[in-house]
């Protein structure tokens, strides 16, 4: 009898541990999914930062060209006076 109750207690303990393990695995999967989503957001943010830097560089070059054209136009105008 004692042996049987010990076996039942061990089986009950195993069943509880399996349930705990399943809960932990589900939580782990959720955390992994959240980590993956955060990594995707970080990559997206880095890509946006690079795109912004490229855009700012283009704007700087365009502004510089416009400034040079204005200076040359002013110089030409002043030379005709």
PDB file of N, CA and C in Angstrom:
ATOM      1  N   UNK A   1       0.823  -1.195   0.000  1.00  0.00           N
ATOM      2  CA  UNK A   1       0.000   0.000   0.000  1.00  0.00           C
ATOM      3  C   UNK A   1       0.865   1.257   0.000  1.00  0.00           C
ATOM      4  N   UNK A   2       1.877   1.243   0.862  1.00  0.00           N
ATOM      5  CA  UNK A   2       2.757   2.401   0.981  1.00  0.00           C
ATOM      6  C   UNK A   2       3.458   2.677  -0.343  1.00  0.00           C
ATOM      7  N   UNK A   3       3.886   1.623  -0.984  1.00  0.00           N
ATOM      8  CA  UNK A   3       4.562   1.733  -2.269  1.00  0.00           C
ATOM      9  C   UNK A   3       3.640   2.340  -3.317  1.00  0.00           C
ATOM     10  N   UNK A   4       2.390   1.922  -3.304  1.00  0.00           N
ATOM     11  CA  UNK A   4       1.413   2.419  -4.272  1.00  0.00           C
ATOM     12  C   UNK A   4       1.151   3.907  -4.077  1.00  0.00           C
ATOM     13  N   UNK A   5       1.027   4.347  -2.834  1.00  0.00           N
ATOM     14  CA  UNK A   5       0.786   5.772  -2.572  1.00  0.00           C
ATOM     15  C   UNK A   5       2.004   6.613  -2.941  1.00  0.00           C
ATOM     16  N   UNK A   6       3.193   6.066  -2.744  1.00  0.00           N
ATOM     17  CA  UNK A   6       4.401   6.781  -3.153  1.00  0.00           C
ATOM     18  C   UNK A   6       4.454   6.937  -4.673  1.00  0.00           C
ATOM     19  N   UNK A   7       4.085   5.869  -5.365  1.00  0.00           N
ATOM     20  CA  UNK A   7       4.072   5.916  -6.829  1.00  0.00           C
ATOM     21  C   UNK A   7       3.057   6.936  -7.311  1.00  0.00           C
ATOM     22  N   UNK A   8       1.864   6.948  -6.702  1.00  0.00           N
ATOM     23  CA  UNK A   8       0.831   7.917  -7.079  1.00  0.00           C
ATOM     24  C   UNK A   8       1.287   9.346  -6.793  1.00  0.00           C
ATOM     25  N   UNK A   9       1.964   9.538  -5.667  1.00  0.00           N
ATOM     26  CA  UNK A   9       2.472  10.867  -5.324  1.00  0.00           C
ATOM     27  C   UNK A   9       3.516  11.314  -6.345  1.00  0.00           C
ATOM     28  N   UNK A  10       4.387  10.383  -6.736  1.00  0.00           N
ATOM     29  CA  UNK A  10       5.414  10.717  -7.736  1.00  0.00           C
ATOM     30  C   UNK A  10       4.765  11.038  -9.088  1.00  0.00           C
ATOM     31  N   UNK A  11       3.754  10.256  -9.476  1.00  0.00           N
ATOM     32  CA  UNK A  11       3.060  10.523 -10.733  1.00  0.00           C
ATOM     33  C   UNK A  11       2.368  11.880 -10.697  1.00  0.00           C
ATOM     34  N   UNK A  12       1.780  12.196  -9.548  1.00  0.00           N
ATOM     35  CA  UNK A  12       1.133  13.503  -9.390  1.00  0.00           C
ATOM     36  C   UNK A  12       2.164  14.622  -9.498  1.00  0.00           C
ATOM     37  N   UNK A  13       3.307  14.412  -8.860  1.00  0.00           N
ATOM     38  CA  UNK A  13       4.378  15.407  -8.922  1.00  0.00           C
ATOM     39  C   UNK A  13       4.872  15.574 -10.365  1.00  0.00           C
ATOM     40  N   UNK A  14       5.020  14.467 -11.081  1.00  0.00           N
ATOM     41  CA  UNK A  14       5.458  14.523 -12.479  1.00  0.00           C
ATOM     42  C   UNK A  14       4.451  15.294 -13.315  1.00  0.00           C
ATOM     43  N   UNK A  15       3.159  15.035 -13.095  1.00  0.00           N
ATOM     44  CA  UNK A  15       2.117  15.732 -13.857  1.00  0.00           C
ATOM     45  C   UNK A  15       2.165  17.236 -13.587  1.00  0.00           C
ATOM     46  N   UNK A  16       2.351  17.617 -12.317  1.00  0.00           N
ATOM     47  CA  UNK A  16       2.440  19.048 -11.976  1.00  0.00           C
ATOM     48  C   UNK A  16       3.663  19.685 -12.616  1.00  0.00           C
ATOM     49  N   UNK A  17       4.781  18.974 -12.580  1.00  0.00           N
ATOM     50  CA  UNK A  17       6.003  19.505 -13.189  1.00  0.00           C
ATOM     51  C   UNK A  17       5.856  19.650 -14.702  1.00  0.00           C
ATOM     52  N   UNK A  18       5.162  18.714 -15.325  1.00  0.00           N
ATOM     53  CA  UNK A  18       4.931  18.820 -16.766  1.00  0.00           C
ATOM     54  C   UNK A  18       4.067  20.036 -17.093  1.00  0.00           C
ATOM     55  N   UNK A  19       3.045  20.293 -16.277  1.00  0.00           N
ATOM     56  CA  UNK A  19       2.204  21.474 -16.483  1.00  0.00           C
ATOM     57  C   UNK A  19       3.015  22.756 -16.309  1.00  0.00           C
ATOM     58  N   UNK A  20       3.862  22.778 -15.273  1.00  0.00           N
ATOM     59  CA  UNK A  20       4.721  23.949 -15.060  1.00  0.00           C
ATOM     60  C   UNK A  20       5.665  24.139 -16.248  1.00  0.00           C
ATOM     61  N   UNK A  21       6.205  23.029 -16.736  1.00  0.00           N
ATOM     62  CA  UNK A  21       7.120  23.089 -17.873  1.00  0.00           C
ATOM     63  C   UNK A  21       6.413  23.638 -19.106  1.00  0.00           C
ATOM     64  N   UNK A  22       5.187  23.203 -19.354  1.00  0.00           N
ATOM     65  CA  UNK A  22       4.427  23.710 -20.495  1.00  0.00           C
ATOM     66  C   UNK A  22       4.179  25.207 -20.364  1.00  0.00           C
ATOM     67  N   UNK A  23       3.835  25.647 -19.152  1.00  0.00           N
ATOM     68  CA  UNK A  23       3.593  27.078 -18.932  1.00  0.00           C
ATOM     69  C   UNK A  23       4.871  27.878 -19.168  1.00  0.00           C
ATOM     70  N   UNK A  24       5.988  27.356 -18.695  1.00  0.00           N
ATOM     71  CA  UNK A  24       7.271  28.038 -18.885  1.00  0.00           C
ATOM     72  C   UNK A  24       7.632  28.090 -20.368  1.00  0.00           C
ATOM     73  N   UNK A  25       7.378  27.005 -21.086  1.00  0.00           N
ATOM     74  CA  UNK A  25       7.688  26.987 -22.520  1.00  0.00           C
ATOM     75  C   UNK A  25       6.824  27.994 -23.276  1.00  0.00           C
ATOM     76  N   UNK A  26       5.546  28.101 -22.913  1.00  0.00           N
ATOM     77  CA  UNK A  26       4.676  29.084 -23.567  1.00  0.00           C
ATOM     78  C   UNK A  26       5.164  30.497 -23.289  1.00  0.00           C
ATOM     79  N   UNK A  27       5.547  30.757 -22.037  1.00  0.00           N
ATOM     80  CA  UNK A  27       6.064  32.078 -21.678  1.00  0.00           C
ATOM     81  C   UNK A  27       7.366  32.366 -22.429  1.00  0.00           C
ATOM     82  N   UNK A  28       8.211  31.357 -22.549  1.00  0.00           N
ATOM     83  CA  UNK A  28       9.468  31.516 -23.279  1.00  0.00           C
ATOM     84  C   UNK A  28       9.209  31.844 -24.746  1.00  0.00           C
ATOM     85  N   UNK A  29       8.234  31.169 -25.353  1.00  0.00           N
ATOM     86  CA  UNK A  29       7.899  31.453 -26.750  1.00  0.00           C
ATOM     87  C   UNK A  29       7.397  32.878 -26.906  1.00  0.00           C
ATOM     88  N   UNK A  30       6.590  33.329 -25.953  1.00  0.00           N
ATOM     89  CA  UNK A  30       6.078  34.700 -26.005  1.00  0.00           C
ATOM     90  C   UNK A  30       7.223  35.704 -25.895  1.00  0.00           C
ATOM     91  N   UNK A  31       8.145  35.442 -24.986  1.00  0.00           N
ATOM     92  CA  UNK A  31       9.296  36.340 -24.810  1.00  0.00           C
ATOM     93  C   UNK A  31      10.158  36.350 -26.072  1.00  0.00           C
ATOM     94  N   UNK A  32      10.356  35.180 -26.676  1.00  0.00           N
ATOM     95  CA  UNK A  32      11.140  35.113 -27.909  1.00  0.00           C
ATOM     96  C   UNK A  32      10.457  35.889 -29.030  1.00  0.00           C
ATOM     97  N   UNK A  33       9.139  35.782 -29.104  1.00  0.00           N
ATOM     98  CA  UNK A  33       8.393  36.520 -30.126  1.00  0.00           C
ATOM     99  C   UNK A  33       8.546  38.022 -29.903  1.00  0.00           C
ATOM    100  N   UNK A  34       8.425  38.455 -28.639  1.00  0.00           N
ATOM    101  CA  UNK A  34       8.575  39.878 -28.327  1.00  0.00           C
ATOM    102  C   UNK A  34       9.987  40.356 -28.643  1.00  0.00           C
ATOM    103  N   UNK A  35      10.987  39.538 -28.338  1.00  0.00           N
ATOM    104  CA  UNK A  35      12.378  39.908 -28.631  1.00  0.00           C
ATOM    105  C   UNK A  35      12.578  40.049 -30.135  1.00  0.00           C
ATOM    106  N   UNK A  36      12.000  39.137 -30.902  1.00  0.00           N
ATOM    107  CA  UNK A  36      12.112  39.215 -32.360  1.00  0.00           C
ATOM    108  C   UNK A  36      11.457  40.487 -32.882  1.00  0.00           C
ATOM    109  N   UNK A  37      10.277  40.820 -32.345  1.00  0.00           N
ATOM    110  CA  UNK A  37       9.585  42.040 -32.772  1.00  0.00           C
ATOM    111  C   UNK A  37      10.407  43.280 -32.432  1.00  0.00           C
ATOM    112  N   UNK A  38      11.034  43.284 -31.247  1.00  0.00           N
ATOM    113  CA  UNK A  38      11.881  44.416 -30.868  1.00  0.00           C
ATOM    114  C   UNK A  38      13.092  44.528 -31.792  1.00  0.00           C
ATOM    115  N   UNK A  39      13.670  43.390 -32.166  1.00  0.00           N
ATOM    116  CA  UNK A  39      14.799  43.414 -33.095  1.00  0.00           C
ATOM    117  C   UNK A  39      14.368  43.965 -34.449  1.00  0.00           C
ATOM    118  N   UNK A  40      13.181  43.584 -34.900  1.00  0.00           N
ATOM    119  CA  UNK A  40      12.676  44.113 -36.169  1.00  0.00           C
ATOM    120  C   UNK A  40      12.494  45.623 -36.082  1.00  0.00           C
ATOM    121  N   UNK A  41      11.952  46.099 -34.955  1.00  0.00           N
ATOM    122  CA  UNK A  41      11.767  47.542 -34.786  1.00  0.00           C
ATOM    123  C   UNK A  41      13.114  48.260 -34.775  1.00  0.00           C
ATOM    124  N   UNK A  42      14.100  47.664 -34.120  1.00  0.00           N
ATOM    125  CA  UNK A  42      15.432  48.279 -34.071  1.00  0.00           C
ATOM    126  C   UNK A  42      16.031  48.370 -35.472  1.00  0.00           C
ATOM    127  N   UNK A  43      15.886  47.313 -36.255  1.00  0.00           N
ATOM    128  CA  UNK A  43      16.401  47.332 -37.628  1.00  0.00           C
ATOM    129  C   UNK A  43      15.671  48.393 -38.448  1.00  0.00           C
ATOM    130  N   UNK A  44      14.340  48.467 -38.284  1.00  0.00           N
ATOM    131  CA  UNK A  44      13.562  49.488 -38.999  1.00  0.00           C
ATOM    132  C   UNK A  44      14.028  50.889 -38.620  1.00  0.00           C
ATOM    133  N   UNK A  45      14.277  51.102 -37.327  1.00  0.00           N
ATOM    134  CA  UNK A  45      14.735  52.417 -36.871  1.00  0.00           C
ATOM    135  C   UNK A  45      16.112  52.749 -37.434  1.00  0.00           C
ATOM    136  N   UNK A  46      16.999  51.763 -37.473  1.00  0.00           N
ATOM    137  CA  UNK A  46      18.324  51.997 -38.049  1.00  0.00           C
ATOM    138  C   UNK A  46      18.219  52.323 -39.534  1.00  0.00           C
ATOM    139  N   UNK A  47      17.344  51.624 -40.227  1.00  0.00           N
ATOM    140  CA  UNK A  47      17.145  51.891 -41.651  1.00  0.00           C
ATOM    141  C   UNK A  47      16.613  53.303 -41.865  1.00  0.00           C
ATOM    142  N   UNK A  48      15.653  53.710 -41.029  1.00  0.00           N
ATOM    143  CA  UNK A  48      15.122  55.080 -41.139  1.00  0.00           C
ATOM    144  C   UNK A  48      16.214  56.109 -40.866  1.00  0.00           C
ATOM    145  N   UNK A  49      17.069  55.830 -39.891  1.00  0.00           N
ATOM    146  CA  UNK A  49      18.154  56.764 -39.574  1.00  0.00           C
ATOM    147  C   UNK A  49      19.103  56.908 -40.762  1.00  0.00           C
ATOM    148  N   UNK A  50      19.435  55.791 -41.392  1.00  0.00           N
ATOM    149  CA  UNK A  50      20.312  55.844 -42.566  1.00  0.00           C
ATOM    150  C   UNK A  50      19.636  56.605 -43.699  1.00  0.00           C
ATOM    151  N   UNK A  51      18.339  56.340 -43.912  1.00  0.00           N
ATOM    152  CA  UNK A  51      17.612  57.055 -44.963  1.00  0.00           C
ATOM    153  C   UNK A  51      17.574  58.553 -44.675  1.00  0.00           C
ATOM    154  N   UNK A  52      17.395  58.920 -43.414  1.00  0.00           N
ATOM    155  CA  UNK A  52      17.392  60.340 -43.047  1.00  0.00           C
ATOM    156  C   UNK A  52      18.752  60.976 -43.302  1.00  0.00           C
ATOM    157  N   UNK A  53      19.819  60.256 -42.965  1.00  0.00           N
ATOM    158  CA  UNK A  53      21.156  60.789 -43.207  1.00  0.00           C
ATOM    159  C   UNK A  53      21.398  60.990 -44.700  1.00  0.00           C
ATOM    160  N   UNK A  54      20.959  60.019 -45.502  1.00  0.00           N
ATOM    161  CA  UNK A  54      21.116  60.160 -46.955  1.00  0.00           C
ATOM    162  C   UNK A  54      20.307  61.333 -47.472  1.00  0.00           C
ATOM    163  N   UNK A  55      19.097  61.477 -46.960  1.00  0.00           N
ATOM    164  CA  UNK A  55      18.235  62.583 -47.386  1.00  0.00           C
ATOM    165  C   UNK A  55      18.850  63.922 -46.995  1.00  0.00           C
ATOM    166  N   UNK A  56      19.383  64.004 -45.777  1.00  0.00           N
ATOM    167  CA  UNK A  56      20.021  65.246 -45.328  1.00  0.00           C
ATOM    168  C   UNK A  56      21.237  65.571 -46.184  1.00  0.00           C
ATOM    169  N   UNK A  57      21.991  64.557 -46.578  1.00  0.00           N
ATOM    170  CA  UNK A  57      23.150  64.768 -47.446  1.00  0.00           C
ATOM    171  C   UNK A  57      22.734  65.308 -48.801  1.00  0.00           C
ATOM    172  N   UNK A  58      21.643  64.777 -49.338  1.00  0.00           N
ATOM    173  CA  UNK A  58      21.139  65.268 -50.628  1.00  0.00           C
ATOM    174  C   UNK A  58      20.697  66.718 -50.511  1.00  0.00           C
ATOM    175  N   UNK A  59      19.975  67.029 -49.430  1.00  0.00           N
ATOM    176  CA  UNK A  59      19.508  68.407 -49.233  1.00  0.00           C
ATOM    177  C   UNK A  59      20.686  69.363 -49.115  1.00  0.00           C
ATOM    178  N   UNK A  60      21.745  68.932 -48.418  1.00  0.00           N
ATOM    179  CA  UNK A  60      22.938  69.765 -48.273  1.00  0.00           C
ATOM    180  C   UNK A  60      23.557  70.034 -49.641  1.00  0.00           C
ATOM    181  N   UNK A  61      23.674  68.994 -50.466  1.00  0.00           N
ATOM    182  CA  UNK A  61      24.276  69.166 -51.798  1.00  0.00           C
ATOM    183  C   UNK A  61      23.416  70.067 -52.678  1.00  0.00           C
ATOM    184  N   UNK A  62      22.104  69.881 -52.613  1.00  0.00           N
ATOM    185  CA  UNK A  62      21.206  70.732 -53.410  1.00  0.00           C
ATOM    186  C   UNK A  62      21.331  72.186 -52.967  1.00  0.00           C
ATOM    187  N   UNK A  63      21.361  72.409 -51.649  1.00  0.00           N
ATOM    188  CA  UNK A  63      21.497  73.778 -51.131  1.00  0.00           C
ATOM    189  C   UNK A  63      22.816  74.395 -51.572  1.00  0.00           C
ATOM    190  N   UNK A  64      23.870  73.600 -51.553  1.00  0.00           N
ATOM    191  CA  UNK A  64      25.185  74.091 -51.965  1.00  0.00           C
ATOM    192  C   UNK A  64      25.179  74.474 -53.447  1.00  0.00           C
ATOM    193  N   UNK A  65      24.553  73.662 -54.280  1.00  0.00           N
ATOM    194  CA  UNK A  65      24.470  73.972 -55.714  1.00  0.00           C
ATOM    195  C   UNK A  65      23.685  75.256 -55.928  1.00  0.00           C
ATOM    196  N   UNK A  66      22.564  75.404 -55.229  1.00  0.00           N
ATOM    197  CA  UNK A  66      21.754  76.624 -55.363  1.00  0.00           C
ATOM    198  C   UNK A  66      22.562  77.847 -54.934  1.00  0.00           C
ATOM    199  N   UNK A  67      23.303  77.724 -53.840  1.00  0.00           N
ATOM    200  CA  UNK A  67      24.123  78.836 -53.361  1.00  0.00           C
ATOM    201  C   UNK A  67      25.189  79.205 -54.392  1.00  0.00           C
ATOM    202  N   UNK A  68      25.839  78.210 -54.975  1.00  0.00           N
ATOM    203  CA  UNK A  68      26.865  78.484 -55.991  1.00  0.00           C
ATOM    204  C   UNK A  68      26.252  79.175 -57.203  1.00  0.00           C
ATOM    205  N   UNK A  69      25.082  78.699 -57.636  1.00  0.00           N
ATOM    206  CA  UNK A  69      24.408  79.329 -58.781  1.00  0.00           C
ATOM    207  C   UNK A  69      24.067  80.777 -58.462  1.00  0.00           C
ATOM    208  N   UNK A  70      23.574  81.040 -57.255  1.00  0.00           N
ATOM    209  CA  UNK A  70      23.245  82.415 -56.863  1.00  0.00           C
ATOM    210  C   UNK A  70      24.488  83.301 -56.844  1.00  0.00           C
ATOM    211  N   UNK A  71      25.593  82.767 -56.318  1.00  0.00           N
ATOM    212  CA  UNK A  71      26.838  83.547 -56.273  1.00  0.00           C
ATOM    213  C   UNK A  71      27.326  83.847 -57.690  1.00  0.00           C
ATOM    214  N   UNK A  72      27.288  82.841 -58.563  1.00  0.00           N
ATOM    215  CA  UNK A  72      27.728  83.059 -59.948  1.00  0.00           C
ATOM    216  C   UNK A  72      26.819  84.047 -60.665  1.00  0.00           C
ATOM    217  N   UNK A  73      25.523  83.956 -60.406  1.00  0.00           N
ATOM    218  CA  UNK A  73      24.581  84.901 -61.023  1.00  0.00           C
ATOM    219  C   UNK A  73      24.850  86.313 -60.532  1.00  0.00           C
ATOM    220  N   UNK A  74      25.082  86.461 -59.225  1.00  0.00           N
ATOM    221  CA  UNK A  74      25.375  87.786 -58.665  1.00  0.00           C
ATOM    222  C   UNK A  74      26.689  88.320 -59.231  1.00  0.00           C
ATOM    223  N   UNK A  75      27.699  87.462 -59.345  1.00  0.00           N
ATOM    224  CA  UNK A  75      28.990  87.892 -59.893  1.00  0.00           C
ATOM    225  C   UNK A  75      28.835  88.321 -61.347  1.00  0.00           C
ATOM    226  N   UNK A  76      28.074  87.576 -62.099  1.00  0.00           N
ATOM    227  CA  UNK A  76      27.840  87.934 -63.502  1.00  0.00           C
ATOM    228  C   UNK A  76      27.089  89.262 -63.598  1.00  0.00           C
ATOM    229  N   UNK A  77      26.088  89.425 -62.751  1.00  0.00           N
ATOM    230  CA  UNK A  77      25.313  90.665 -62.752  1.00  0.00           C
ATOM    231  C   UNK A  77      26.197  91.857 -62.389  1.00  0.00           C
ATOM    232  N   UNK A  78      27.054  91.672 -61.359  1.00  0.00           N
ATOM    233  CA  UNK A  78      27.933  92.766 -60.936  1.00  0.00           C
ATOM    234  C   UNK A  78      28.976  93.085 -62.010  1.00  0.00           C
ATOM    235  N   UNK A  79      29.408  92.077 -62.754  1.00  0.00           N
ATOM    236  CA  UNK A  79      30.421  92.336 -63.791  1.00  0.00           C
ATOM    237  C   UNK A  79      29.835  93.089 -64.981  1.00  0.00           C
ATOM    238  N   UNK A  80      28.537  93.039 -65.148  1.00  0.00           N
ATOM    239  CA  UNK A  80      27.914  93.762 -66.266  1.00  0.00           C
ATOM    240  C   UNK A  80      27.629  95.206 -65.920  1.00  0.00           C
ATOM    241  N   UNK A  81      27.785  95.587 -64.671  1.00  0.00           N
ATOM    242  CA  UNK A  81      27.505  96.974 -64.280  1.00  0.00           C
ATOM    243  C   UNK A  81      28.593  97.923 -64.677  1.00  0.00           C
TER     244      UNK A  81
END
